Amino acid sequence: MVKFYDEIPQSHIAWIKKQHIFFVATAPMTGEHINVSPKGMDGTLHIESPTRVWYEDLSGSGVETISHLRENGRITIMFCAYEGPARILRIYGRGTVHEFGTPEYDALIPAVQRRPGSRAAIVIDVRKVSTSCGYAVPMYTFKAERSALAHYSVKMETLDSAFPPRFLPSADADIDAEGGAPVPTVTLDTEAGPRVYAKGGLKAWWTGWNVRSLDGLPALRSAYLSDAPLGAGGEVRGEAEPPSDGSVVILGNKVPKARSAVVERLEAGKVLLPGGAGEMDVAITLIEIGRVMP
């Protein structure tokens, strides 16, 4: 049965902190859609008090949550129990966006703690909390976080570190960075006028993808204009992303799924071909994936 609270119950805070994923829902005042975004990465969600939570918002191709909060502030966060006793917990509140490079952002996320790709801190003042059974939610076992976003963000931020963005209303060109090496650049129009960015950098990404929502609402306003330095490194956590082209990675090499099944059996000492077709040549198979048995 559903229960309502005016704030996050103390008895539920430890459970919230154990969750590896949560969902954020927002909507514009007008338009045809409601946005729901999954959020993950351990350590990005913070419970400041029973009436205030915030999370570190990482970069992506969409920026709906930020734009909707700019317009009306409404937000709902949902947690589900995927292990242990069933539970759904929703936090209803009003959200505020603090972009990268602002004093509010820096106070919440010092540079040494900032994750690669971090673009904002989303602060939610809690208005209501509800819990319900969650018996229809299936059970899952957490495996690992993904590291692809962090690796990609580190590469982009490294380009930004080599060439900080600046106002230069000129054609695209290779401009010497502080170390003297030429850095490919791109000139993009911003609300503050033409600005030159490192081509492929994170701030160029923000300018191209994170300025407006699907509804045309304004989203990021200052992060891409900030002179605050982006980290050239940063901690990368999680597992590498599996390939999406029908292959898997074994021993650091991409092999077709059909062959990977044989290789996995090979590791167990069984190398029989399906359908009674005989045995596979072990040495040849292992050479093809980069390893030879003695």
C-alpha atoms as a PDB file:
ATOM      1  CA  MET A   1       0.000   0.000   0.000  1.00  0.00           C
ATOM      2  CA  VAL A   2       1.235   3.467  -0.820  1.00  0.00           C
ATOM      3  CA  LYS A   3       2.511   5.676   2.002  1.00  0.00           C
ATOM      4  CA  PHE A   4       3.259   9.394   1.851  1.00  0.00           C
ATOM      5  CA  TYR A   5       5.800  11.430   3.800  1.00  0.00           C
ATOM      6  CA  ASP A   6       6.720  15.110   3.998  1.00  0.00           C
ATOM      7  CA  GLU A   7      10.418  14.245   3.813  1.00  0.00           C
ATOM      8  CA  ILE A   8      12.691  11.269   3.232  1.00  0.00           C
ATOM      9  CA  PRO A   9      12.256   8.855   6.167  1.00  0.00           C
ATOM     10  CA  GLN A  10      15.498   8.233   8.027  1.00  0.00           C
ATOM     11  CA  SER A  11      14.796   4.505   7.786  1.00  0.00           C
ATOM     12  CA  HIS A  12      14.962   4.695   3.979  1.00  0.00           C
ATOM     13  CA  ILE A  13      18.115   6.777   3.485  1.00  0.00           C
ATOM     14  CA  ALA A  14      20.553   3.862   3.747  1.00  0.00           C
ATOM     15  CA  TRP A  15      18.488   1.896   1.222  1.00  0.00           C
ATOM     16  CA  ILE A  16      18.496   4.813  -1.245  1.00  0.00           C
ATOM     17  CA  LYS A  17      22.279   5.080  -1.031  1.00  0.00           C
ATOM     18  CA  LYS A  18      22.649   1.410  -1.974  1.00  0.00           C
ATOM     19  CA  GLN A  19      20.764   1.755  -5.255  1.00  0.00           C
ATOM     20  CA  HIS A  20      22.842   1.661  -8.441  1.00  0.00           C
ATOM     21  CA  ILE A  21      20.239   3.313 -10.666  1.00  0.00           C
ATOM     22  CA  PHE A  22      17.456   5.868 -10.329  1.00  0.00           C
ATOM     23  CA  PHE A  23      15.109   7.568 -12.754  1.00  0.00           C
ATOM     24  CA  VAL A  24      14.427  11.281 -13.164  1.00  0.00           C
ATOM     25  CA  ALA A  25      11.157  12.559 -14.667  1.00  0.00           C
ATOM     26  CA  THR A  26      10.405  16.113 -15.812  1.00  0.00           C
ATOM     27  CA  ALA A  27       8.034  17.796 -18.249  1.00  0.00           C
ATOM     28  CA  PRO A  28       7.644  21.159 -19.987  1.00  0.00           C
ATOM     29  CA  MET A  29       4.629  23.365 -19.320  1.00  0.00           C
ATOM     30  CA  THR A  30       3.500  22.831 -22.912  1.00  0.00           C
ATOM     31  CA  GLY A  31       4.451  20.332 -25.571  1.00  0.00           C
ATOM     32  CA  GLU A  32       3.850  16.715 -26.358  1.00  0.00           C
ATOM     33  CA  HIS A  33       6.234  14.741 -24.209  1.00  0.00           C
ATOM     34  CA  ILE A  34       7.360  13.923 -20.688  1.00  0.00           C
ATOM     35  CA  ASN A  35      11.012  13.054 -20.219  1.00  0.00           C
ATOM     36  CA  VAL A  36      12.364  10.163 -18.152  1.00  0.00           C
ATOM     37  CA  SER A  37      16.118   9.710 -17.779  1.00  0.00           C
ATOM     38  CA  PRO A  38      17.978   6.832 -16.117  1.00  0.00           C
ATOM     39  CA  LYS A  39      20.854   7.887 -13.881  1.00  0.00           C
ATOM     40  CA  GLY A  40      23.646   5.782 -12.482  1.00  0.00           C
ATOM     41  CA  MET A  41      27.270   5.862 -11.339  1.00  0.00           C
ATOM     42  CA  ASP A  42      27.852   5.274  -7.638  1.00  0.00           C
ATOM     43  CA  GLY A  43      28.641   8.445  -5.739  1.00  0.00           C
ATOM     44  CA  THR A  44      26.776  10.868  -8.011  1.00  0.00           C
ATOM     45  CA  LEU A  45      23.654  11.023  -5.798  1.00  0.00           C
ATOM     46  CA  HIS A  46      23.894  12.830  -2.468  1.00  0.00           C
ATOM     47  CA  ILE A  47      21.339  13.082   0.345  1.00  0.00           C
ATOM     48  CA  GLU A  48      22.138  16.377   2.010  1.00  0.00           C
ATOM     49  CA  SER A  49      19.208  16.137   4.422  1.00  0.00           C
ATOM     50  CA  PRO A  50      15.736  14.532   4.576  1.00  0.00           C
ATOM     51  CA  THR A  51      14.473  17.556   2.634  1.00  0.00           C
ATOM     52  CA  ARG A  52      17.259  18.076   0.099  1.00  0.00           C
ATOM     53  CA  VAL A  53      19.088  15.811  -2.355  1.00  0.00           C
ATOM     54  CA  TRP A  54      21.331  16.537  -5.310  1.00  0.00           C
ATOM     55  CA  TYR A  55      23.120  14.626  -8.035  1.00  0.00           C
ATOM     56  CA  GLU A  56      26.023  15.246 -10.378  1.00  0.00           C
ATOM     57  CA  ASP A  57      24.657  15.441 -13.913  1.00  0.00           C
ATOM     58  CA  LEU A  58      26.910  13.906 -16.560  1.00  0.00           C
ATOM     59  CA  SER A  59      27.036  14.978 -20.196  1.00  0.00           C
ATOM     60  CA  GLY A  60      24.944  13.314 -22.882  1.00  0.00           C
ATOM     61  CA  SER A  61      23.294  14.062 -26.192  1.00  0.00           C
ATOM     62  CA  GLY A  62      20.092  15.153 -24.442  1.00  0.00           C
ATOM     63  CA  VAL A  63      19.463  17.937 -21.968  1.00  0.00           C
ATOM     64  CA  GLU A  64      15.733  17.650 -21.243  1.00  0.00           C
ATOM     65  CA  THR A  65      15.946  17.569 -17.454  1.00  0.00           C
ATOM     66  CA  ILE A  66      17.935  20.783 -17.268  1.00  0.00           C
ATOM     67  CA  SER A  67      15.685  22.645 -19.701  1.00  0.00           C
ATOM     68  CA  HIS A  68      12.467  21.578 -17.953  1.00  0.00           C
ATOM     69  CA  LEU A  69      13.843  22.605 -14.560  1.00  0.00           C
ATOM     70  CA  ARG A  70      14.799  25.973 -16.010  1.00  0.00           C
ATOM     71  CA  GLU A  71      11.198  26.458 -17.081  1.00  0.00           C
ATOM     72  CA  ASN A  72       9.148  25.141 -14.153  1.00  0.00           C
ATOM     73  CA  GLY A  73      11.308  23.366 -11.568  1.00  0.00           C
ATOM     74  CA  ARG A  74       9.139  20.240 -11.281  1.00  0.00           C
ATOM     75  CA  ILE A  75      10.953  16.934 -10.876  1.00  0.00           C
ATOM     76  CA  THR A  76      10.354  13.396  -9.631  1.00  0.00           C
ATOM     77  CA  ILE A  77      13.060  10.874  -8.756  1.00  0.00           C
ATOM     78  CA  MET A  78      12.173   7.178  -8.600  1.00  0.00           C
ATOM     79  CA  PHE A  79      14.078   4.286  -7.045  1.00  0.00           C
ATOM     80  CA  CYS A  80      13.181   0.592  -7.410  1.00  0.00           C
ATOM     81  CA  ALA A  81      14.390  -2.400  -5.426  1.00  0.00           C
ATOM     82  CA  TYR A  82      15.937  -4.885  -7.858  1.00  0.00           C
ATOM     83  CA  GLU A  83      17.356  -7.033  -5.070  1.00  0.00           C
ATOM     84  CA  GLY A  84      15.899  -7.910  -1.677  1.00  0.00           C
ATOM     85  CA  PRO A  85      12.394  -6.925  -0.527  1.00  0.00           C
ATOM     86  CA  ALA A  86      10.276  -5.145  -3.138  1.00  0.00           C
ATOM     87  CA  ARG A  87       9.967  -1.364  -2.918  1.00  0.00           C
ATOM     88  CA  ILE A  88       9.382   1.704  -5.059  1.00  0.00           C
ATOM     89  CA  LEU A  89      10.277   5.107  -3.625  1.00  0.00           C
ATOM     90  CA  ARG A  90       9.511   8.419  -5.312  1.00  0.00           C
ATOM     91  CA  ILE A  91      10.813  11.844  -4.348  1.00  0.00           C
ATOM     92  CA  TYR A  92       8.721  14.781  -5.575  1.00  0.00           C
ATOM     93  CA  GLY A  93      10.343  18.186  -5.468  1.00  0.00           C
ATOM     94  CA  ARG A  94      11.552  21.385  -7.050  1.00  0.00           C
ATOM     95  CA  GLY A  95      14.864  21.303  -8.831  1.00  0.00           C
ATOM     96  CA  THR A  96      17.564  23.912  -9.382  1.00  0.00           C
ATOM     97  CA  VAL A  97      20.366  23.699 -11.953  1.00  0.00           C
ATOM     98  CA  HIS A  98      23.911  24.773 -11.088  1.00  0.00           C
ATOM     99  CA  GLU A  99      26.103  24.575 -14.174  1.00  0.00           C
ATOM    100  CA  PHE A 100      29.769  23.725 -14.404  1.00  0.00           C
ATOM    101  CA  GLY A 101      31.872  26.803 -13.690  1.00  0.00           C
ATOM    102  CA  THR A 102      29.419  28.489 -11.297  1.00  0.00           C
ATOM    103  CA  PRO A 103      30.219  29.111  -7.597  1.00  0.00           C
ATOM    104  CA  GLU A 104      27.307  26.881  -6.568  1.00  0.00           C
ATOM    105  CA  TYR A 105      28.614  24.025  -8.701  1.00  0.00           C
ATOM    106  CA  ASP A 106      32.149  24.418  -7.352  1.00  0.00           C
ATOM    107  CA  ALA A 107      30.872  24.381  -3.765  1.00  0.00           C
ATOM    108  CA  LEU A 108      29.112  21.061  -4.329  1.00  0.00           C
ATOM    109  CA  ILE A 109      31.654  19.468  -6.674  1.00  0.00           C
ATOM    110  CA  PRO A 110      35.265  20.538  -6.061  1.00  0.00           C
ATOM    111  CA  ALA A 111      37.584  20.049  -9.023  1.00  0.00           C
ATOM    112  CA  VAL A 112      39.354  17.092  -7.394  1.00  0.00           C
ATOM    113  CA  GLN A 113      36.018  15.275  -6.981  1.00  0.00           C
ATOM    114  CA  ARG A 114      34.480  16.155 -10.334  1.00  0.00           C
ATOM    115  CA  ARG A 115      33.782  13.223 -12.643  1.00  0.00           C
ATOM    116  CA  PRO A 116      34.780  13.336 -16.316  1.00  0.00           C
ATOM    117  CA  GLY A 117      31.909  14.766 -18.345  1.00  0.00           C
ATOM    118  CA  SER A 118      30.188  16.453 -15.400  1.00  0.00           C
ATOM    119  CA  ARG A 119      28.139  19.416 -16.632  1.00  0.00           C
ATOM    120  CA  ALA A 120      25.865  20.419 -13.724  1.00  0.00           C
ATOM    121  CA  ALA A 121      24.691  19.777 -10.189  1.00  0.00           C
ATOM    122  CA  ILE A 122      20.933  19.238  -9.891  1.00  0.00           C
ATOM    123  CA  VAL A 123      19.635  20.186  -6.440  1.00  0.00           C
ATOM    124  CA  ILE A 124      16.150  19.008  -5.416  1.00  0.00           C
ATOM    125  CA  ASP A 125      14.189  20.459  -2.522  1.00  0.00           C
ATOM    126  CA  VAL A 126      11.909  17.651  -1.364  1.00  0.00           C
ATOM    127  CA  ARG A 127       8.178  18.423  -1.209  1.00  0.00           C
ATOM    128  CA  LYS A 128       6.779  14.902  -0.819  1.00  0.00           C
ATOM    129  CA  VAL A 129       7.946  11.281  -0.708  1.00  0.00           C
ATOM    130  CA  SER A 130       5.959   8.133  -1.460  1.00  0.00           C
ATOM    131  CA  THR A 131       6.661   4.427  -1.095  1.00  0.00           C
ATOM    132  CA  SER A 132       4.756   1.530  -2.640  1.00  0.00           C
ATOM    133  CA  CYS A 133       5.114  -2.238  -2.917  1.00  0.00           C
ATOM    134  CA  GLY A 134       6.913  -2.712  -6.222  1.00  0.00           C
ATOM    135  CA  TYR A 135       5.850  -6.338  -6.561  1.00  0.00           C
ATOM    136  CA  ALA A 136       5.677  -6.034 -10.358  1.00  0.00           C
ATOM    137  CA  VAL A 137       9.319  -4.918 -10.613  1.00  0.00           C
ATOM    138  CA  PRO A 138      11.537  -7.860 -11.649  1.00  0.00           C
ATOM    139  CA  MET A 139      14.639  -8.869  -9.721  1.00  0.00           C
ATOM    140  CA  TYR A 140      18.039  -8.089 -11.227  1.00  0.00           C
ATOM    141  CA  THR A 141      21.595  -8.548 -10.030  1.00  0.00           C
ATOM    142  CA  PHE A 142      23.958  -5.600 -10.426  1.00  0.00           C
ATOM    143  CA  LYS A 143      27.069  -6.503 -12.420  1.00  0.00           C
ATOM    144  CA  ALA A 144      29.166  -3.377 -12.929  1.00  0.00           C
ATOM    145  CA  GLU A 145      29.139   0.238 -14.007  1.00  0.00           C
ATOM    146  CA  ARG A 146      30.018   1.127 -17.584  1.00  0.00           C
ATOM    147  CA  SER A 147      33.206   3.083 -18.242  1.00  0.00           C
ATOM    148  CA  ALA A 148      32.492   4.206 -21.829  1.00  0.00           C
ATOM    149  CA  LEU A 149      31.128   7.655 -20.904  1.00  0.00           C
ATOM    150  CA  ALA A 150      34.067   8.419 -18.632  1.00  0.00           C
ATOM    151  CA  HIS A 151      36.635   7.320 -21.229  1.00  0.00           C
ATOM    152  CA  TYR A 152      34.928   9.373 -23.943  1.00  0.00           C
ATOM    153  CA  SER A 153      34.663  12.418 -21.667  1.00  0.00           C
ATOM    154  CA  VAL A 154      38.331  12.225 -20.683  1.00  0.00           C
ATOM    155  CA  LYS A 155      39.318  12.315 -24.360  1.00  0.00           C
ATOM    156  CA  MET A 156      37.149  15.387 -24.989  1.00  0.00           C
ATOM    157  CA  GLU A 157      38.323  17.193 -21.857  1.00  0.00           C
ATOM    158  CA  THR A 158      41.940  16.539 -22.789  1.00  0.00           C
ATOM    159  CA  LEU A 159      41.348  18.503 -26.001  1.00  0.00           C
ATOM    160  CA  ASP A 160      39.747  21.340 -24.033  1.00  0.00           C
ATOM    161  CA  SER A 161      42.712  21.419 -21.661  1.00  0.00           C
ATOM    162  CA  ALA A 162      45.106  21.792 -24.591  1.00  0.00           C
ATOM    163  CA  PHE A 163      43.127  24.702 -26.001  1.00  0.00           C
ATOM    164  CA  PRO A 164      40.834  26.661 -23.663  1.00  0.00           C
ATOM    165  CA  PRO A 165      37.816  28.154 -25.515  1.00  0.00           C
ATOM    166  CA  ARG A 166      38.113  31.805 -26.451  1.00  0.00           C
ATOM    167  CA  PHE A 167      36.330  34.473 -28.448  1.00  0.00           C
ATOM    168  CA  LEU A 168      37.897  34.555 -31.899  1.00  0.00           C
ATOM    169  CA  PRO A 169      35.406  35.263 -34.720  1.00  0.00           C
ATOM    170  CA  SER A 170      37.627  33.686 -37.347  1.00  0.00           C
ATOM    171  CA  ALA A 171      37.409  30.745 -39.717  1.00  0.00           C
ATOM    172  CA  ASP A 172      38.143  27.255 -38.447  1.00  0.00           C
ATOM    173  CA  ALA A 173      41.872  26.742 -38.212  1.00  0.00           C
ATOM    174  CA  ASP A 174      44.609  24.894 -36.392  1.00  0.00           C
ATOM    175  CA  ILE A 175      45.729  27.141 -33.542  1.00  0.00           C
ATOM    176  CA  ASP A 176      48.824  26.549 -31.447  1.00  0.00           C
ATOM    177  CA  ALA A 177      48.023  25.521 -27.904  1.00  0.00           C
ATOM    178  CA  GLU A 178      50.111  26.590 -24.945  1.00  0.00           C
ATOM    179  CA  GLY A 179      52.550  23.758 -25.622  1.00  0.00           C
ATOM    180  CA  GLY A 180      53.025  24.849 -29.217  1.00  0.00           C
ATOM    181  CA  ALA A 181      51.276  21.923 -30.899  1.00  0.00           C
ATOM    182  CA  PRO A 182      48.483  22.771 -33.348  1.00  0.00           C
ATOM    183  CA  VAL A 183      44.993  21.954 -32.093  1.00  0.00           C
ATOM    184  CA  PRO A 184      42.116  21.528 -34.586  1.00  0.00           C
ATOM    185  CA  THR A 185      39.421  24.065 -33.782  1.00  0.00           C
ATOM    186  CA  VAL A 186      35.858  24.873 -34.710  1.00  0.00           C
ATOM    187  CA  THR A 187      34.081  28.232 -34.523  1.00  0.00           C
ATOM    188  CA  LEU A 188      30.546  28.024 -33.156  1.00  0.00           C
ATOM    189  CA  ASP A 189      27.895  30.677 -32.683  1.00  0.00           C
ATOM    190  CA  THR A 190      26.871  31.212 -29.066  1.00  0.00           C
ATOM    191  CA  GLU A 191      24.596  33.710 -27.355  1.00  0.00           C
ATOM    192  CA  ALA A 192      27.751  35.621 -26.468  1.00  0.00           C
ATOM    193  CA  GLY A 193      28.931  35.676 -30.074  1.00  0.00           C
ATOM    194  CA  PRO A 194      31.257  33.475 -32.159  1.00  0.00           C
ATOM    195  CA  ARG A 195      33.568  31.384 -30.021  1.00  0.00           C
ATOM    196  CA  VAL A 196      36.428  29.084 -30.946  1.00  0.00           C
ATOM    197  CA  TYR A 197      36.612  25.647 -29.336  1.00  0.00           C
ATOM    198  CA  ALA A 198      38.874  22.657 -29.566  1.00  0.00           C
ATOM    199  CA  LYS A 199      37.294  20.453 -32.213  1.00  0.00           C
ATOM    200  CA  GLY A 200      35.900  17.357 -30.526  1.00  0.00           C
ATOM    201  CA  GLY A 201      36.163  18.909 -27.062  1.00  0.00           C
ATOM    202  CA  LEU A 202      33.501  18.734 -24.375  1.00  0.00           C
ATOM    203  CA  LYS A 203      32.632  22.441 -24.475  1.00  0.00           C
ATOM    204  CA  ALA A 204      32.094  22.225 -28.229  1.00  0.00           C
ATOM    205  CA  TRP A 205      29.796  19.261 -27.530  1.00  0.00           C
ATOM    206  CA  TRP A 206      27.831  21.281 -24.986  1.00  0.00           C
ATOM    207  CA  THR A 207      27.450  24.104 -27.506  1.00  0.00           C
ATOM    208  CA  GLY A 208      26.224  21.788 -30.237  1.00  0.00           C
ATOM    209  CA  TRP A 209      23.962  19.454 -28.242  1.00  0.00           C
ATOM    210  CA  ASN A 210      23.137  20.871 -24.823  1.00  0.00           C
ATOM    211  CA  VAL A 211      21.950  24.435 -25.402  1.00  0.00           C
ATOM    212  CA  ARG A 212      18.277  23.655 -26.115  1.00  0.00           C
ATOM    213  CA  SER A 213      15.863  20.815 -25.463  1.00  0.00           C
ATOM    214  CA  LEU A 214      13.617  18.941 -27.874  1.00  0.00           C
ATOM    215  CA  ASP A 215      10.970  21.569 -27.114  1.00  0.00           C
ATOM    216  CA  GLY A 216      13.338  24.396 -27.986  1.00  0.00           C
ATOM    217  CA  LEU A 217      13.620  25.431 -24.339  1.00  0.00           C
ATOM    218  CA  PRO A 218      16.950  26.884 -23.161  1.00  0.00           C
ATOM    219  CA  ALA A 219      19.171  24.459 -21.279  1.00  0.00           C
ATOM    220  CA  LEU A 220      22.876  25.099 -20.611  1.00  0.00           C
ATOM    221  CA  ARG A 221      23.553  28.822 -20.406  1.00  0.00           C
ATOM    222  CA  SER A 222      27.085  29.273 -19.140  1.00  0.00           C
ATOM    223  CA  ALA A 223      29.029  25.994 -18.882  1.00  0.00           C
ATOM    224  CA  TYR A 224      30.269  26.207 -22.472  1.00  0.00           C
ATOM    225  CA  LEU A 225      31.286  29.852 -21.940  1.00  0.00           C
ATOM    226  CA  SER A 226      33.080  29.246 -18.651  1.00  0.00           C
ATOM    227  CA  ASP A 227      36.827  29.686 -18.486  1.00  0.00           C
ATOM    228  CA  ALA A 228      37.005  27.156 -15.651  1.00  0.00           C
ATOM    229  CA  PRO A 229      39.444  24.402 -16.634  1.00  0.00           C
ATOM    230  CA  LEU A 230      38.182  20.934 -17.416  1.00  0.00           C
ATOM    231  CA  GLY A 231      40.168  18.047 -16.016  1.00  0.00           C
ATOM    232  CA  ALA A 232      42.537  16.421 -18.473  1.00  0.00           C
ATOM    233  CA  GLY A 233      42.330  13.141 -16.587  1.00  0.00           C
ATOM    234  CA  GLY A 234      39.843  12.153 -13.941  1.00  0.00           C
ATOM    235  CA  GLU A 235      38.976   8.835 -12.402  1.00  0.00           C
ATOM    236  CA  VAL A 236      37.513   6.267 -14.785  1.00  0.00           C
ATOM    237  CA  ARG A 237      35.419   3.558 -13.170  1.00  0.00           C
ATOM    238  CA  GLY A 238      33.472   0.590 -14.461  1.00  0.00           C
ATOM    239  CA  GLU A 239      33.748  -2.025 -17.169  1.00  0.00           C
ATOM    240  CA  ALA A 240      34.496  -1.437 -20.841  1.00  0.00           C
ATOM    241  CA  GLU A 241      31.521  -1.268 -23.169  1.00  0.00           C
ATOM    242  CA  PRO A 242      30.863  -4.499 -25.082  1.00  0.00           C
ATOM    243  CA  PRO A 243      30.950  -4.061 -28.877  1.00  0.00           C
ATOM    244  CA  SER A 244      27.580  -3.547 -30.541  1.00  0.00           C
ATOM    245  CA  ASP A 245      28.363  -5.132 -33.909  1.00  0.00           C
ATOM    246  CA  GLY A 246      27.468  -8.712 -33.066  1.00  0.00           C
ATOM    247  CA  SER A 247      30.863  -9.635 -31.626  1.00  0.00           C
ATOM    248  CA  VAL A 248      32.295 -10.047 -28.147  1.00  0.00           C
ATOM    249  CA  VAL A 249      35.722  -9.336 -26.663  1.00  0.00           C
ATOM    250  CA  ILE A 250      37.853 -12.296 -25.598  1.00  0.00           C
ATOM    251  CA  LEU A 251      41.484 -11.897 -24.555  1.00  0.00           C
ATOM    252  CA  GLY A 252      41.360  -8.338 -25.789  1.00  0.00           C
ATOM    253  CA  ASN A 253      40.231  -9.300 -29.297  1.00  0.00           C
ATOM    254  CA  LYS A 254      36.851  -8.985 -30.998  1.00  0.00           C
ATOM    255  CA  VAL A 255      35.524 -12.317 -32.257  1.00  0.00           C
ATOM    256  CA  PRO A 256      32.120 -13.279 -33.719  1.00  0.00           C
ATOM    257  CA  LYS A 257      29.557 -14.520 -31.230  1.00  0.00           C
ATOM    258  CA  ALA A 258      29.317 -17.950 -32.898  1.00  0.00           C
ATOM    259  CA  ARG A 259      33.037 -18.515 -32.515  1.00  0.00           C
ATOM    260  CA  SER A 260      33.150 -17.019 -29.034  1.00  0.00           C
ATOM    261  CA  ALA A 261      30.869 -19.772 -27.781  1.00  0.00           C
ATOM    262  CA  VAL A 262      33.377 -22.356 -29.010  1.00  0.00           C
ATOM    263  CA  VAL A 263      36.231 -20.423 -27.428  1.00  0.00           C
ATOM    264  CA  GLU A 264      34.452 -20.350 -24.082  1.00  0.00           C
ATOM    265  CA  ARG A 265      34.019 -24.129 -24.256  1.00  0.00           C
ATOM    266  CA  LEU A 266      37.650 -24.386 -25.275  1.00  0.00           C
ATOM    267  CA  GLU A 267      38.705 -22.695 -22.068  1.00  0.00           C
ATOM    268  CA  ALA A 268      36.835 -25.475 -20.252  1.00  0.00           C
ATOM    269  CA  GLY A 269      38.625 -28.108 -22.309  1.00  0.00           C
ATOM    270  CA  LYS A 270      35.764 -29.082 -24.633  1.00  0.00           C
ATOM    271  CA  VAL A 271      36.139 -28.207 -28.305  1.00  0.00           C
ATOM    272  CA  LEU A 272      33.406 -30.182 -30.028  1.00  0.00           C
ATOM    273  CA  LEU A 273      31.642 -28.661 -33.011  1.00  0.00           C
ATOM    274  CA  PRO A 274      27.839 -28.628 -32.874  1.00  0.00           C
ATOM    275  CA  GLY A 275      25.833 -31.304 -34.686  1.00  0.00           C
ATOM    276  CA  GLY A 276      28.489 -34.000 -34.334  1.00  0.00           C
ATOM    277  CA  ALA A 277      30.655 -32.415 -37.039  1.00  0.00           C
ATOM    278  CA  GLY A 278      33.855 -33.434 -35.311  1.00  0.00           C
ATOM    279  CA  GLU A 279      36.532 -31.564 -33.432  1.00  0.00           C
ATOM    280  CA  MET A 280      37.896 -28.078 -34.133  1.00  0.00           C
ATOM    281  CA  ASP A 281      41.602 -27.482 -34.635  1.00  0.00           C
ATOM    282  CA  VAL A 282      42.468 -25.907 -31.272  1.00  0.00           C
ATOM    283  CA  ALA A 283      45.709 -24.218 -32.341  1.00  0.00           C
ATOM    284  CA  ILE A 284      44.158 -22.477 -35.370  1.00  0.00           C
ATOM    285  CA  THR A 285      41.211 -21.192 -33.415  1.00  0.00           C
ATOM    286  CA  LEU A 286      43.382 -19.744 -30.695  1.00  0.00           C
ATOM    287  CA  ILE A 287      45.756 -18.123 -33.169  1.00  0.00           C
ATOM    288  CA  GLU A 288      42.788 -16.275 -34.651  1.00  0.00           C
ATOM    289  CA  ILE A 289      41.952 -14.721 -31.291  1.00  0.00           C
ATOM    290  CA  GLY A 290      45.538 -13.909 -30.465  1.00  0.00           C
ATOM    291  CA  ARG A 291      46.620 -16.806 -28.284  1.00  0.00           C
ATOM    292  CA  VAL A 292      48.306 -20.169 -28.962  1.00  0.00           C
ATOM    293  CA  MET A 293      48.132 -23.129 -26.648  1.00  0.00           C
ATOM    294  CA  PRO A 294      51.478 -24.869 -26.059  1.00  0.00           C
END
